[in-house]
Every structure is written in structure tokens, then in C-alpha cells.
Amino acid sequence: MPDQRQERTPRRGHDLPRPLWPEFADAIDELTAAGW
């Protein structure tokens, strides 16, 4: 499985509007990269 941090696309059902919360979106990226 490739590192999801490279592509900024929502996955696993959280289709969140990332531009609204950049830091929260980064936290989501950390969790998804960790396998959540």
C-alpha cells in the first residue's frame, strides 16, 4: 500500500472539505498513513 500522504485525496469515507481545517486534515492524513 503506497503512502497516502503523497496524494491529497480523501479515503475511508471521510470526505471532509480539507481546505476548511488544514491542520485537522493533516491529522487525518497522519491517521490514515498509520493505517486508520
Protein backbone atom coordinates (compact mmCIF):
# COMPACT_ATOMS: atom_id res chain seq x y z
CA MET A 1 0.00 0.00 0.00
CA PRO A 2 1.56 3.33 -1.05
CA ASP A 3 1.96 6.22 1.34
CA GLN A 4 -1.31 8.15 1.25
CA ARG A 5 0.42 11.36 2.25
CA GLN A 6 1.55 11.83 -1.34
CA GLU A 7 -1.95 12.11 -2.78
CA ARG A 8 -4.30 14.52 -1.03
CA THR A 9 -7.49 12.59 -1.72
CA PRO A 10 -9.99 11.60 0.99
CA ARG A 11 -10.31 7.89 1.74
CA ARG A 12 -12.23 5.52 4.00
CA GLY A 13 -15.39 7.58 3.99
CA HIS A 14 -14.11 10.82 5.44
CA ASP A 15 -14.88 13.09 2.51
CA LEU A 16 -14.09 16.15 4.56
CA PRO A 17 -13.64 19.57 2.98
CA ARG A 18 -9.93 19.67 3.74
CA PRO A 19 -9.38 23.39 2.99
CA LEU A 20 -11.64 24.29 5.92
CA TRP A 21 -9.39 22.67 8.52
CA PRO A 22 -5.82 22.32 7.19
CA GLU A 23 -4.31 21.16 10.48
CA PHE A 24 -7.17 18.74 11.05
CA ALA A 25 -6.74 17.43 7.53
CA ASP A 26 -3.05 16.89 8.26
CA ALA A 27 -4.00 14.96 11.38
CA ILE A 28 -6.38 12.84 9.28
CA ASP A 29 -3.51 12.20 6.87
CA GLU A 30 -1.32 11.07 9.76
CA LEU A 31 -4.00 8.66 10.97
CA THR A 32 -4.71 7.25 7.52
CA ALA A 33 -0.99 6.87 6.85
CA ALA A 34 -0.75 4.99 10.15
CA GLY A 35 -3.44 2.61 8.92
CA TRP A 36 -6.65 4.03 10.41
